[in-house]
């Protein structure tokens, strides 16, 4: 039975059914030794500066439930360690990410951000969009990413939603015209020889997995050379540390021996036993327990990444 006054880890989840109870059970199995417990959270209206009863919160659903994101920002303000940082997650996008990675020397496909196709009510096209070039030079945009085939996808998306392999100009215009309010990016298509998806937890522990993106299949063993394994491992850790994500997967399309980071904004990554397989799943359960318990017993706070957070901490500690 968990100790009544134990340090608590809270969990925000959606429909997923396999990882959450396994994670909670693993954390609570260790309670006699650690004094840390885990449980599902319940929230329903949050007062300004309401204290947060959780030392650590694991967030796997706030990208789909806006109120949860608001709650998590308050939890950060009160000193909780939130995985993942809701401020970074709110600000992040795939175009910025690709640009940043190339700045720090990690290969990433050539990428172009596109103007939105549609806009919120109140936008008058010939008045509100006076800074926007029209019509777009589609030939130049496609040429800048290496021509066809290329990838069209949502700059803020995940779970392979709104991702298209584009092979002709008519197809590109058709898909773009149906993108609605989404901000889309056009990206170089990497015809990969090998493909990897790598999980990183706590910006430290990395699980390198060979992945088949066509059939959505994780191979039980990665099978990469020692050199390639090391590059994938180190790139993944660098990416997650750069963005400040403590739970994230990075995907690499490997062509001619070069791993290109093509997707690295997965702050609520797949942890389902049916897709991962038992070996990968068990690693996710035990290593996430390791990471969150370590954070729970430390003084680390998400707000310390920000000037306002350090100011609050200084003011409240005096």
Protein backbone atom coordinates (compact mmCIF):
# COMPACT_ATOMS: atom_id res chain seq x y z
CA UNK A 1 0.00 0.00 0.00
CA UNK A 2 1.53 3.40 -1.01
CA UNK A 3 2.64 5.58 1.87
CA UNK A 4 0.15 8.31 2.75
CA UNK A 5 2.71 11.12 2.70
CA UNK A 6 4.73 9.86 -0.25
CA UNK A 7 6.07 12.15 -2.95
CA UNK A 8 3.60 11.90 -5.84
CA UNK A 9 3.91 11.50 -9.60
CA UNK A 10 0.77 12.41 -11.55
CA UNK A 11 -0.20 11.06 -14.95
CA UNK A 12 -2.31 12.73 -17.64
CA UNK A 13 -3.40 10.17 -20.26
CA UNK A 14 -5.97 9.69 -22.98
CA UNK A 15 -7.25 6.43 -24.45
CA UNK A 16 -4.02 4.44 -24.19
CA UNK A 17 -4.43 1.38 -22.00
CA UNK A 18 -1.17 -0.59 -21.77
CA UNK A 19 1.67 1.70 -20.71
CA UNK A 20 -0.07 3.89 -18.07
CA UNK A 21 -1.15 1.12 -15.64
CA UNK A 22 2.15 -0.70 -16.11
CA UNK A 23 4.08 2.50 -15.34
CA UNK A 24 1.98 3.29 -12.26
CA UNK A 25 2.37 -0.27 -10.99
CA UNK A 26 6.15 -0.14 -11.50
CA UNK A 27 6.54 3.14 -9.62
CA UNK A 28 4.30 1.94 -6.77
CA UNK A 29 6.13 -1.39 -6.58
CA UNK A 30 9.21 0.61 -5.59
CA UNK A 31 7.42 2.84 -3.05
CA UNK A 32 8.74 1.02 0.08
CA UNK A 33 12.28 1.83 -1.09
CA UNK A 34 11.76 5.27 -2.70
CA UNK A 35 8.82 6.87 -0.91
CA UNK A 36 7.44 7.86 -4.33
CA UNK A 37 3.97 6.94 -5.63
CA UNK A 38 2.22 7.40 -8.98
CA UNK A 39 -1.44 7.86 -9.83
CA UNK A 40 -3.85 9.11 -12.47
CA UNK A 41 -4.66 12.79 -12.02
CA UNK A 42 -8.10 14.36 -11.61
CA UNK A 43 -8.56 18.10 -12.27
CA UNK A 44 -11.66 20.19 -12.74
CA UNK A 45 -11.18 23.93 -12.65
CA UNK A 46 -7.96 25.56 -11.49
CA UNK A 47 -7.58 28.67 -9.32
CA UNK A 48 -4.86 31.21 -10.01
CA UNK A 49 -1.63 30.04 -8.32
CA UNK A 50 -3.34 26.90 -7.08
CA UNK A 51 -0.72 24.66 -5.41
CA UNK A 52 0.21 21.52 -7.29
CA UNK A 53 0.16 18.35 -5.16
CA UNK A 54 2.46 16.50 -7.58
CA UNK A 55 6.23 16.72 -7.64
CA UNK A 56 6.35 15.31 -11.19
CA UNK A 57 3.65 15.21 -13.86
CA UNK A 58 3.84 13.05 -16.98
CA UNK A 59 1.74 14.54 -19.79
CA UNK A 60 0.59 12.37 -22.68
CA UNK A 61 -2.61 14.12 -23.77
CA UNK A 62 -2.57 17.92 -23.30
CA UNK A 63 -1.91 18.46 -27.03
CA UNK A 64 -5.50 17.28 -27.52
CA UNK A 65 -7.10 18.71 -24.34
CA UNK A 66 -6.32 22.46 -24.10
CA UNK A 67 -7.43 22.84 -20.47
CA UNK A 68 -4.83 20.27 -19.42
CA UNK A 69 -2.14 22.42 -21.07
CA UNK A 70 -3.35 25.44 -19.08
CA UNK A 71 -3.27 23.39 -15.86
CA UNK A 72 0.24 22.16 -16.61
CA UNK A 73 1.56 25.68 -17.09
CA UNK A 74 0.25 26.56 -13.64
CA UNK A 75 1.86 23.39 -12.25
CA UNK A 76 5.19 24.52 -13.73
CA UNK A 77 4.70 27.96 -12.16
CA UNK A 78 4.17 26.30 -8.76
CA UNK A 79 7.45 24.36 -9.06
CA UNK A 80 6.48 20.99 -10.51
CA UNK A 81 8.66 19.07 -12.93
CA UNK A 82 6.43 18.47 -15.97
CA UNK A 83 7.27 15.95 -18.68
CA UNK A 84 7.16 17.44 -21.22
CA UNK A 85 7.63 21.16 -20.69
CA UNK A 86 4.26 22.62 -21.81
CA UNK A 87 5.82 25.95 -22.74
CA UNK A 88 8.30 24.39 -25.18
CA UNK A 89 5.69 22.00 -26.52
CA UNK A 90 3.34 24.91 -27.19
CA UNK A 91 6.03 26.86 -29.04
CA UNK A 92 7.64 24.04 -31.03
CA UNK A 93 7.12 23.27 -34.73
CA UNK A 94 8.79 21.06 -37.30
CA UNK A 95 10.14 23.92 -39.43
CA UNK A 96 11.91 25.57 -36.50
CA UNK A 97 13.17 22.19 -35.40
CA UNK A 98 14.66 21.29 -38.78
CA UNK A 99 16.32 24.70 -38.98
CA UNK A 100 17.74 24.40 -35.47
CA UNK A 101 19.15 20.93 -36.02
CA UNK A 102 21.05 21.98 -39.12
CA UNK A 103 22.49 24.88 -37.10
CA UNK A 104 23.97 22.43 -34.57
CA UNK A 105 25.29 20.02 -37.20
CA UNK A 106 22.66 17.25 -37.29
CA UNK A 107 21.57 16.35 -40.85
CA UNK A 108 17.93 17.17 -41.60
CA UNK A 109 16.01 17.29 -44.90
CA UNK A 110 15.71 20.62 -46.72
CA UNK A 111 12.47 22.19 -45.50
CA UNK A 112 10.23 25.09 -46.54
CA UNK A 113 7.40 26.62 -44.50
CA UNK A 114 4.29 27.40 -46.54
CA UNK A 115 1.69 30.14 -45.99
CA UNK A 116 -1.64 28.84 -44.75
CA UNK A 117 -4.28 28.00 -47.30
CA UNK A 118 -7.20 29.26 -45.15
CA UNK A 119 -7.52 31.71 -42.27
CA UNK A 120 -9.73 32.42 -39.29
CA UNK A 121 -12.88 34.53 -39.81
CA UNK A 122 -12.09 38.23 -39.93
CA UNK A 123 -9.08 37.89 -42.23
CA UNK A 124 -9.73 39.95 -45.38
CA UNK A 125 -7.36 38.56 -47.98
CA UNK A 126 -6.60 41.77 -49.87
CA UNK A 127 -6.16 43.76 -46.63
CA UNK A 128 -4.99 41.47 -43.84
CA UNK A 129 -2.46 39.60 -46.00
CA UNK A 130 -0.70 42.59 -47.58
CA UNK A 131 2.72 41.18 -46.57
CA UNK A 132 2.11 37.87 -48.32
CA UNK A 133 3.44 37.13 -51.81
CA UNK A 134 0.70 35.92 -54.14
CA UNK A 135 0.62 33.80 -56.16
CA UNK A 136 3.24 31.50 -54.67
CA UNK A 137 6.13 30.41 -56.89
CA UNK A 138 5.43 26.70 -56.53
CA UNK A 139 8.15 25.66 -58.99
CA UNK A 140 10.79 27.50 -56.96
CA UNK A 141 9.50 26.08 -53.66
CA UNK A 142 9.59 22.51 -54.95
CA UNK A 143 13.03 23.02 -56.47
CA UNK A 144 14.35 24.28 -53.13
CA UNK A 145 13.66 20.90 -51.49
CA UNK A 146 15.10 18.87 -54.35
CA UNK A 147 12.05 18.38 -56.56
CA UNK A 148 9.59 15.52 -56.64
CA UNK A 149 8.96 13.32 -54.77
CA UNK A 150 8.78 15.49 -51.67
CA UNK A 151 6.90 15.47 -48.38
CA UNK A 152 4.00 17.74 -47.43
CA UNK A 153 3.06 17.69 -43.75
CA UNK A 154 1.61 19.67 -40.88
CA UNK A 155 4.27 21.74 -39.11
CA UNK A 156 2.63 21.00 -35.75
CA UNK A 157 1.32 17.51 -36.41
CA UNK A 158 2.13 14.07 -35.07
CA UNK A 159 1.10 10.45 -35.34
CA UNK A 160 1.63 10.46 -39.11
CA UNK A 161 -1.47 12.65 -39.56
CA UNK A 162 -1.59 14.97 -42.57
CA UNK A 163 1.66 13.56 -44.03
CA UNK A 164 1.78 13.04 -47.80
CA UNK A 165 4.40 11.85 -50.27
CA UNK A 166 3.92 14.23 -53.20
CA UNK A 167 4.96 13.13 -56.68
CA UNK A 168 3.59 15.85 -58.97
CA UNK A 169 2.56 19.49 -59.01
CA UNK A 170 -1.18 18.74 -59.42
CA UNK A 171 -1.02 16.46 -56.38
CA UNK A 172 0.81 19.12 -54.35
CA UNK A 173 -1.77 21.80 -55.18
CA UNK A 174 -4.63 19.41 -54.43
CA UNK A 175 -3.26 18.45 -50.99
CA UNK A 176 -2.36 22.04 -50.16
CA UNK A 177 -5.84 23.27 -51.09
CA UNK A 178 -7.34 20.87 -48.54
CA UNK A 179 -4.94 21.76 -45.71
CA UNK A 180 -7.37 24.33 -44.27
CA UNK A 181 -6.05 26.21 -41.25
CA UNK A 182 -2.99 23.99 -40.86
CA UNK A 183 0.47 25.44 -41.39
CA UNK A 184 2.16 23.04 -43.78
CA UNK A 185 5.80 22.43 -44.57
CA UNK A 186 7.35 21.05 -47.73
CA UNK A 187 10.30 18.77 -47.12
CA UNK A 188 12.95 16.92 -49.07
CA UNK A 189 12.10 13.23 -49.52
CA UNK A 190 14.86 10.93 -48.27
CA UNK A 191 14.75 7.57 -50.04
CA UNK A 192 16.03 5.66 -47.05
CA UNK A 193 18.10 2.49 -46.98
CA UNK A 194 17.45 1.96 -43.27
CA UNK A 195 15.13 3.62 -40.78
CA UNK A 196 15.32 4.13 -37.02
CA UNK A 197 13.03 5.42 -34.31
CA UNK A 198 14.82 6.23 -31.07
CA UNK A 199 13.19 6.84 -27.70
CA UNK A 200 14.88 9.19 -25.26
CA UNK A 201 13.80 9.49 -21.61
CA UNK A 202 15.12 12.04 -19.15
CA UNK A 203 17.36 13.48 -21.89
CA UNK A 204 19.72 10.64 -21.02
CA UNK A 205 18.42 7.09 -21.62
CA UNK A 206 18.11 6.19 -25.31
CA UNK A 207 16.49 3.15 -26.90
CA UNK A 208 17.61 2.75 -30.53
CA UNK A 209 15.02 0.79 -32.51
CA UNK A 210 14.96 -0.34 -36.11
CA UNK A 211 11.59 0.72 -37.50
CA UNK A 212 9.58 0.04 -40.65
CA UNK A 213 7.53 3.23 -41.27
CA UNK A 214 5.56 1.64 -44.10
CA UNK A 215 4.21 -1.24 -42.03
CA UNK A 216 4.55 0.60 -38.67
CA UNK A 217 6.67 -2.22 -37.28
CA UNK A 218 9.37 -2.14 -34.59
CA UNK A 219 12.00 -4.84 -35.06
CA UNK A 220 12.89 -6.64 -31.80
CA UNK A 221 16.61 -5.97 -32.37
CA UNK A 222 18.08 -2.85 -33.94
CA UNK A 223 20.73 -4.61 -36.04
CA UNK A 224 22.70 -1.42 -36.80
CA UNK A 225 26.47 -1.33 -36.96
CA UNK A 226 28.24 -0.11 -33.82
CA UNK A 227 29.15 3.15 -35.58
CA UNK A 228 25.59 3.80 -36.75
CA UNK A 229 24.16 2.87 -33.35
CA UNK A 230 26.44 5.40 -31.68
CA UNK A 231 25.47 8.17 -34.12
CA UNK A 232 21.76 7.49 -33.67
CA UNK A 233 22.15 7.33 -29.90
CA UNK A 234 24.17 10.54 -29.67
CA UNK A 235 22.04 12.49 -32.16
CA UNK A 236 18.89 11.53 -30.24
CA UNK A 237 20.31 12.61 -26.91
CA UNK A 238 21.55 15.90 -28.38
CA UNK A 239 18.17 16.63 -29.97
CA UNK A 240 16.21 16.00 -26.78
CA UNK A 241 18.62 18.05 -24.68
CA UNK A 242 18.47 20.89 -27.20
CA UNK A 243 14.66 21.02 -27.11
CA UNK A 244 14.39 20.17 -23.41
CA UNK A 245 12.18 17.11 -23.95
CA UNK A 246 12.34 14.38 -21.30
CA UNK A 247 10.09 11.99 -23.28
CA UNK A 248 10.46 12.01 -27.04
CA UNK A 249 11.14 9.87 -30.09
CA UNK A 250 13.43 10.89 -32.94
CA UNK A 251 13.14 9.30 -36.36
CA UNK A 252 16.03 8.96 -38.77
CA UNK A 253 15.96 8.08 -42.46
CA UNK A 254 19.37 6.59 -43.19
CA UNK A 255 20.66 7.10 -46.73
CA UNK A 256 24.20 6.33 -47.93
CA UNK A 257 25.30 5.94 -44.33
CA UNK A 258 23.93 9.33 -43.21
CA UNK A 259 21.11 9.44 -40.63
CA UNK A 260 18.79 12.35 -41.46
CA UNK A 261 16.60 13.51 -38.59
CA UNK A 262 13.19 13.71 -40.26
CA UNK A 263 10.88 13.72 -37.24
CA UNK A 264 11.86 14.66 -33.71
CA UNK A 265 8.79 16.39 -32.29
CA UNK A 266 7.01 13.47 -30.63
CA UNK A 267 6.58 14.60 -26.99
CA UNK A 268 3.78 12.05 -26.42
CA UNK A 269 5.43 9.11 -28.20
CA UNK A 270 3.99 5.69 -28.91
CA UNK A 271 4.31 3.44 -25.87
CA UNK A 272 1.72 0.79 -26.70
CA UNK A 273 2.75 -2.82 -26.13
CA UNK A 274 1.00 -3.99 -29.29
CA UNK A 275 3.06 -1.75 -31.55
CA UNK A 276 6.34 -1.71 -29.61
CA UNK A 277 6.56 -5.38 -28.76
CA UNK A 278 7.25 -6.68 -25.28
CA UNK A 279 11.00 -5.97 -25.08
CA UNK A 280 10.72 -2.31 -26.10
CA UNK A 281 7.60 -1.85 -23.99
CA UNK A 282 9.22 -3.20 -20.83
CA UNK A 283 12.16 -0.84 -21.38
CA UNK A 284 9.75 2.12 -21.62
CA UNK A 285 8.02 1.13 -18.38
CA UNK A 286 11.12 0.56 -16.25
CA UNK A 287 13.19 3.45 -17.60
CA UNK A 288 10.34 5.96 -17.29
CA UNK A 289 9.93 4.84 -13.70
CA UNK A 290 13.67 5.38 -13.18
CA UNK A 291 13.54 8.87 -14.68
CA UNK A 292 10.44 10.13 -12.92
CA UNK A 293 11.47 8.79 -9.51
CA UNK A 294 14.85 10.47 -9.90
CA UNK A 295 13.15 13.77 -10.73
CA UNK A 296 10.68 13.35 -7.85
CA UNK A 297 13.52 12.99 -5.35
CA UNK A 298 15.49 15.92 -6.77
CA UNK A 299 15.00 19.67 -6.70
CA UNK A 300 14.79 20.04 -10.49
CA UNK A 301 11.96 22.28 -11.69
CA UNK A 302 10.74 22.93 -15.23
CA UNK A 303 10.41 26.66 -14.50
CA UNK A 304 14.17 26.98 -13.92
CA UNK A 305 14.62 26.99 -17.71
CA UNK A 306 13.05 30.45 -17.85
CA UNK A 307 13.96 33.89 -16.53
CA UNK A 308 10.47 34.29 -15.04
CA UNK A 309 10.73 30.93 -13.35
CA UNK A 310 14.08 31.68 -11.73
CA UNK A 311 12.71 35.03 -10.57
CA UNK A 312 9.68 33.32 -8.98
CA UNK A 313 11.82 30.70 -7.31
CA UNK A 314 14.14 33.37 -5.92
CA UNK A 315 11.23 35.46 -4.64
CA UNK A 316 9.47 32.52 -2.96
CA UNK A 317 12.61 31.11 -1.32
CA UNK A 318 13.36 34.27 0.64
